[in-house]
């Protein structure tokens, strides 16, 4: 199920900055449990009390929320202080949790959003990272036969699984990928990628396929209950496939590099052996020359 904001857009214009901060504090705590949600950010929003600050609205970017954003494109065209994107949360052991906002549309500047949002972010209790663009993934994908294999596997597994169990597993795995895999790809530190990161992301992809497969097997009443969640998971799938493929490629490249290092090492050892053998032969040749010379034989 997608995260739904409890902030009423029609009442937004009447909120003071203090009132808004109290509301968004609760919103952020709720959204963090979902792992990821849509977001709209304004860097130069004027509250009813006259204060200027950063405004953040969380929730699925559809219905009233996306209508509000489209209105900003007209109403605040000159200000260029708005943007939308994806907000996800990362738990870091021994450190404050991180709220990451990846902006993929709009003219708003991350630097200004951070500057005008200092008061807000301090209250939220999250370290906030705002940036433009996605996670820096290349246009990579999995082969069709790999996708077919995954779908065949989950079809067989789903015979013994309940829909609610798959949803719980998906949510848990999604949070693990968001906290452990996404930051590595965003930071562009492929040397930190491990096999477990690939397996974790692959499991999330399989669970996404499981949700879609199981939805077709349950009653119409249950389909209505779970269809929105499954649709949301399906919408994330193309990006997830890129993540899995990216991790797979990095691990493959590392294996090739490791094998090349082994080959180089073996060739180096062989050359050393040949050089040593060559030196021994030269020494033996000189020794024989000396002995033959003693007998008056020249070679």
Protein backbone atom coordinates (compact mmCIF):
# COMPACT_ATOMS: atom_id res chain seq x y z
CA UNK A 1 0.00 0.00 0.00
CA UNK A 2 1.31 3.44 -0.95
CA UNK A 3 2.01 6.09 1.67
CA UNK A 4 -0.84 8.61 1.90
CA UNK A 5 -0.30 12.09 3.29
CA UNK A 6 -2.59 13.32 6.06
CA UNK A 7 -1.80 16.96 5.31
CA UNK A 8 -4.83 18.55 3.66
CA UNK A 9 -3.66 20.59 0.68
CA UNK A 10 -6.64 22.94 0.88
CA UNK A 11 -5.59 23.91 4.43
CA UNK A 12 -1.91 24.33 3.58
CA UNK A 13 -2.16 28.09 2.94
CA UNK A 14 -3.48 28.66 6.47
CA UNK A 15 -0.66 26.84 8.29
CA UNK A 16 2.04 28.70 10.18
CA UNK A 17 5.57 27.35 9.94
CA UNK A 18 5.33 25.90 13.46
CA UNK A 19 2.04 24.16 12.66
CA UNK A 20 3.44 22.76 9.42
CA UNK A 21 6.59 21.43 11.10
CA UNK A 22 4.50 19.56 13.68
CA UNK A 23 2.48 17.95 10.89
CA UNK A 24 5.46 17.02 8.72
CA UNK A 25 7.29 15.51 11.70
CA UNK A 26 4.50 12.95 12.01
CA UNK A 27 4.38 12.50 8.23
CA UNK A 28 8.09 11.71 8.00
CA UNK A 29 7.92 9.15 10.81
CA UNK A 30 5.05 7.40 9.04
CA UNK A 31 6.72 7.57 5.64
CA UNK A 32 9.97 6.11 7.00
CA UNK A 33 8.10 2.88 7.77
CA UNK A 34 7.22 2.60 4.06
CA UNK A 35 10.87 2.93 3.01
CA UNK A 36 10.12 5.09 -0.04
CA UNK A 37 7.48 7.51 -1.30
CA UNK A 38 6.94 10.39 -3.70
CA UNK A 39 7.87 13.93 -2.68
CA UNK A 40 7.28 17.56 -3.66
CA UNK A 41 9.69 20.23 -2.39
CA UNK A 42 9.50 24.04 -2.47
CA UNK A 43 12.53 26.02 -1.34
CA UNK A 44 10.88 29.46 -1.00
CA UNK A 45 7.48 28.78 0.51
CA UNK A 46 5.83 31.57 2.53
CA UNK A 47 3.76 30.30 5.45
CA UNK A 48 0.68 32.11 6.77
CA UNK A 49 2.79 33.64 9.56
CA UNK A 50 5.06 35.27 6.97
CA UNK A 51 8.05 32.97 7.53
CA UNK A 52 9.97 31.79 4.48
CA UNK A 53 11.14 28.19 4.49
CA UNK A 54 11.32 24.85 2.70
CA UNK A 55 8.06 22.96 2.24
CA UNK A 56 8.02 19.18 1.83
CA UNK A 57 4.95 17.17 0.87
CA UNK A 58 5.16 13.37 0.94
CA UNK A 59 2.94 10.80 -0.74
CA UNK A 60 2.13 8.98 -3.94
CA UNK A 61 2.35 11.45 -6.82
CA UNK A 62 -1.16 11.02 -8.13
CA UNK A 63 -4.60 12.53 -7.55
CA UNK A 64 -4.64 15.79 -5.54
CA UNK A 65 -0.88 15.76 -4.92
CA UNK A 66 0.13 15.60 -8.59
CA UNK A 67 -2.59 18.16 -9.37
CA UNK A 68 -1.01 20.46 -6.77
CA UNK A 69 2.40 20.00 -8.41
CA UNK A 70 1.05 20.77 -11.88
CA UNK A 71 -0.41 23.96 -10.41
CA UNK A 72 3.04 24.95 -9.14
CA UNK A 73 4.39 24.74 -12.69
CA UNK A 74 2.01 27.55 -13.62
CA UNK A 75 1.77 29.55 -10.40
CA UNK A 76 5.49 29.51 -9.55
CA UNK A 77 6.98 29.42 -13.01
CA UNK A 78 8.93 32.62 -12.36
CA UNK A 79 10.22 31.56 -8.93
CA UNK A 80 11.68 28.25 -10.17
CA UNK A 81 11.71 27.02 -6.57
CA UNK A 82 9.83 23.72 -6.85
CA UNK A 83 10.62 20.11 -7.78
CA UNK A 84 9.31 16.59 -7.32
CA UNK A 85 10.95 13.21 -7.01
CA UNK A 86 11.44 10.24 -4.72
CA UNK A 87 12.11 10.24 -0.98
CA UNK A 88 13.65 7.19 0.68
CA UNK A 89 15.03 6.52 4.12
CA UNK A 90 18.29 4.92 5.21
CA UNK A 91 19.22 3.59 8.65
CA UNK A 92 22.90 3.98 9.56
CA UNK A 93 24.18 2.15 12.63
CA UNK A 94 25.49 4.55 15.27
CA UNK A 95 24.40 7.62 13.27
CA UNK A 96 21.18 9.61 12.72
CA UNK A 97 18.89 8.10 10.06
CA UNK A 98 19.15 9.66 6.60
CA UNK A 99 16.28 11.05 4.55
CA UNK A 100 17.34 11.11 0.89
CA UNK A 101 15.40 13.10 -1.70
CA UNK A 102 16.17 12.43 -5.37
CA UNK A 103 14.60 15.16 -7.54
CA UNK A 104 13.69 14.16 -11.08
CA UNK A 105 11.53 17.07 -12.26
CA UNK A 106 11.27 20.81 -11.66
CA UNK A 107 13.56 23.85 -11.40
CA UNK A 108 14.10 23.91 -7.63
CA UNK A 109 17.71 24.04 -6.39
CA UNK A 110 18.79 21.41 -3.81
CA UNK A 111 21.25 23.86 -2.21
CA UNK A 112 18.51 26.42 -1.56
CA UNK A 113 16.13 23.75 -0.28
CA UNK A 114 18.76 22.70 2.27
CA UNK A 115 19.56 26.28 3.25
CA UNK A 116 15.94 27.38 3.78
CA UNK A 117 15.07 24.07 5.41
CA UNK A 118 17.64 24.13 8.22
CA UNK A 119 15.03 24.82 10.89
CA UNK A 120 12.74 22.11 9.51
CA UNK A 121 15.44 19.46 9.12
CA UNK A 122 16.72 20.06 12.65
CA UNK A 123 13.25 19.29 14.00
CA UNK A 124 12.82 16.17 11.88
CA UNK A 125 15.76 14.38 13.48
CA UNK A 126 17.01 13.12 10.11
CA UNK A 127 20.17 13.94 8.23
CA UNK A 128 18.71 15.19 4.93
CA UNK A 129 20.34 14.65 1.54
CA UNK A 130 18.71 16.40 -1.45
CA UNK A 131 20.07 15.94 -4.95
CA UNK A 132 18.98 16.03 -8.59
CA UNK A 133 18.72 12.92 -10.70
CA UNK A 134 18.30 9.23 -9.95
CA UNK A 135 20.80 6.83 -8.43
CA UNK A 136 23.29 7.13 -11.28
CA UNK A 137 22.34 3.80 -12.83
CA UNK A 138 23.46 3.07 -16.36
CA UNK A 139 20.98 1.87 -18.94
CA UNK A 140 21.51 -1.80 -18.21
CA UNK A 141 19.08 -4.66 -17.96
CA UNK A 142 18.67 -8.39 -17.64
CA UNK A 143 18.25 -10.72 -20.58
CA UNK A 144 14.74 -11.93 -21.38
CA UNK A 145 15.64 -15.52 -20.49
CA UNK A 146 16.75 -14.38 -17.03
CA UNK A 147 13.40 -12.67 -16.45
CA UNK A 148 11.57 -15.77 -17.73
CA UNK A 149 13.53 -17.95 -15.32
CA UNK A 150 12.66 -15.69 -12.38
CA UNK A 151 8.97 -15.73 -13.31
CA UNK A 152 9.00 -19.53 -13.61
CA UNK A 153 10.62 -19.87 -10.19
CA UNK A 154 8.16 -17.58 -8.41
CA UNK A 155 5.19 -19.24 -10.12
CA UNK A 156 6.23 -22.54 -8.57
CA UNK A 157 7.02 -20.99 -5.16
CA UNK A 158 3.68 -19.17 -5.00
CA UNK A 159 1.74 -22.42 -4.79
CA UNK A 160 2.64 -22.59 -1.09
CA UNK A 161 2.66 -18.87 -0.21
CA UNK A 162 0.00 -16.49 1.06
CA UNK A 163 -0.31 -12.99 -0.40
CA UNK A 164 0.21 -11.28 2.96
CA UNK A 165 3.44 -13.27 3.51
CA UNK A 166 4.81 -12.12 0.15
CA UNK A 167 3.90 -8.50 0.93
CA UNK A 168 5.66 -8.63 4.29
CA UNK A 169 8.76 -10.18 2.73
CA UNK A 170 8.71 -7.56 -0.05
CA UNK A 171 8.51 -4.65 2.42
CA UNK A 172 11.31 -6.05 4.56
CA UNK A 173 13.57 -6.75 1.57
CA UNK A 174 12.79 -3.35 0.02
CA UNK A 175 13.96 -1.63 3.20
CA UNK A 176 17.17 -3.70 3.21
CA UNK A 177 17.91 -2.80 -0.42
CA UNK A 178 17.16 0.89 0.25
CA UNK A 179 19.46 0.93 3.28
CA UNK A 180 22.31 -1.29 2.07
CA UNK A 181 22.42 -1.26 -1.74
CA UNK A 182 21.09 2.09 -2.95
CA UNK A 183 23.65 4.21 -1.04
CA UNK A 184 26.54 2.25 -2.60
CA UNK A 185 25.22 2.81 -6.13
CA UNK A 186 24.44 6.45 -5.45
CA UNK A 187 27.91 7.06 -4.01
CA UNK A 188 29.42 5.31 -7.06
CA UNK A 189 31.65 3.06 -4.93
CA UNK A 190 31.53 -0.24 -6.86
CA UNK A 191 34.44 -1.61 -4.85
CA UNK A 192 32.00 -1.95 -1.93
CA UNK A 193 29.57 -4.13 -3.88
CA UNK A 194 29.38 -7.68 -2.57
CA UNK A 195 27.58 -10.85 -3.63
CA UNK A 196 25.06 -10.34 -0.80
CA UNK A 197 24.00 -6.99 -2.31
CA UNK A 198 23.26 -8.71 -5.62
CA UNK A 199 21.37 -11.57 -3.95
CA UNK A 200 19.33 -9.12 -1.85
CA UNK A 201 18.29 -7.09 -4.90
CA UNK A 202 17.56 -10.25 -6.88
CA UNK A 203 15.32 -11.46 -4.04
CA UNK A 204 13.41 -8.16 -4.15
CA UNK A 205 12.89 -8.59 -7.90
CA UNK A 206 11.61 -12.13 -7.35
CA UNK A 207 9.23 -10.92 -4.66
CA UNK A 208 7.94 -8.24 -7.04
CA UNK A 209 7.21 -10.94 -9.61
CA UNK A 210 5.64 -13.07 -6.87
CA UNK A 211 3.21 -10.29 -5.99
CA UNK A 212 2.05 -9.99 -9.58
CA UNK A 213 1.75 -13.74 -10.03
CA UNK A 214 -0.14 -14.28 -6.76
CA UNK A 215 -2.56 -11.44 -7.53
CA UNK A 216 -3.88 -13.48 -10.45
CA UNK A 217 -4.50 -16.50 -8.22
CA UNK A 218 -6.51 -14.93 -5.40
CA UNK A 219 -10.22 -14.02 -5.26
CA UNK A 220 -11.57 -10.81 -6.82
CA UNK A 221 -12.30 -9.43 -3.36
CA UNK A 222 -8.67 -9.88 -2.30
CA UNK A 223 -7.47 -8.55 -5.65
CA UNK A 224 -9.22 -5.26 -4.92
CA UNK A 225 -7.52 -5.16 -1.52
CA UNK A 226 -3.99 -5.73 -2.81
CA UNK A 227 -4.03 -4.42 -6.39
CA UNK A 228 -2.78 -0.91 -5.48
CA UNK A 229 0.24 -2.27 -3.61
CA UNK A 230 1.08 -4.68 -6.43
CA UNK A 231 0.76 -1.89 -9.02
CA UNK A 232 3.20 0.23 -7.02
CA UNK A 233 5.69 -2.64 -6.81
CA UNK A 234 5.34 -3.26 -10.55
CA UNK A 235 6.02 0.41 -11.29
CA UNK A 236 9.34 0.14 -9.42
CA UNK A 237 10.35 -3.00 -11.31
CA UNK A 238 12.13 -1.46 -14.35
CA UNK A 239 14.45 0.46 -12.04
CA UNK A 240 14.95 -2.63 -9.87
CA UNK A 241 15.94 -4.67 -12.93
CA UNK A 242 18.60 -2.05 -13.68
CA UNK A 243 19.90 -2.31 -10.13
CA UNK A 244 20.15 -6.12 -10.30
CA UNK A 245 21.85 -5.95 -13.70
CA UNK A 246 24.25 -3.25 -12.51
CA UNK A 247 25.30 -5.31 -9.48
CA UNK A 248 25.67 -8.44 -11.59
CA UNK A 249 27.89 -6.61 -14.09
CA UNK A 250 30.14 -5.18 -11.36
CA UNK A 251 30.62 -8.62 -9.79
CA UNK A 252 31.29 -10.16 -13.21
CA UNK A 253 33.88 -7.49 -14.05
CA UNK A 254 35.57 -8.03 -10.70
CA UNK A 255 35.75 -11.80 -11.33
CA UNK A 256 37.30 -11.23 -14.76
CA UNK A 257 39.82 -8.81 -13.28
CA UNK A 258 40.65 -11.35 -10.58
CA UNK A 259 41.16 -14.10 -13.18
CA UNK A 260 43.39 -11.82 -15.24
CA UNK A 261 45.49 -11.11 -12.16
CA UNK A 262 45.90 -14.87 -11.63
CA UNK A 263 46.92 -15.35 -15.28
CA UNK A 264 49.40 -12.48 -15.06
CA UNK A 265 50.87 -13.99 -11.90
CA UNK A 266 51.22 -17.43 -13.49
CA UNK A 267 52.88 -15.97 -16.61
CA UNK A 268 55.25 -14.02 -14.39
CA UNK A 269 56.23 -17.22 -12.55
CA UNK A 270 56.77 -19.08 -15.84
CA UNK A 271 58.98 -16.29 -17.18
CA UNK A 272 61.04 -16.38 -13.98
CA UNK A 273 61.43 -20.15 -14.32
CA UNK A 274 62.48 -19.77 -17.95
CA UNK A 275 64.97 -17.07 -17.05
CA UNK A 276 66.42 -19.24 -14.30
CA UNK A 277 66.61 -22.22 -16.67
CA UNK A 278 68.26 -20.06 -19.29
CA UNK A 279 70.85 -18.87 -16.76
CA UNK A 280 71.57 -22.48 -15.73
CA UNK A 281 72.01 -23.53 -19.35
CA UNK A 282 74.37 -20.64 -20.01
CA UNK A 283 76.39 -21.55 -16.91
CA UNK A 284 76.56 -25.22 -18.00
CA UNK A 285 77.62 -24.17 -21.50
CA UNK A 286 80.49 -22.07 -20.12
CA UNK A 287 81.54 -24.91 -17.82
CA UNK A 288 81.67 -27.36 -20.73
CA UNK A 289 83.67 -24.89 -22.82
CA UNK A 290 86.26 -24.68 -20.05
CA UNK A 291 86.53 -28.46 -19.71
CA UNK A 292 86.84 -29.03 -23.44
CA UNK A 293 89.48 -26.31 -23.61
CA UNK A 294 91.48 -28.18 -20.97
CA UNK A 295 91.54 -31.13 -23.35
CA UNK A 296 92.54 -28.92 -26.26
CA UNK A 297 89.12 -29.07 -27.85
CA UNK A 298 87.54 -25.86 -29.08
CA UNK A 299 83.79 -25.56 -29.41
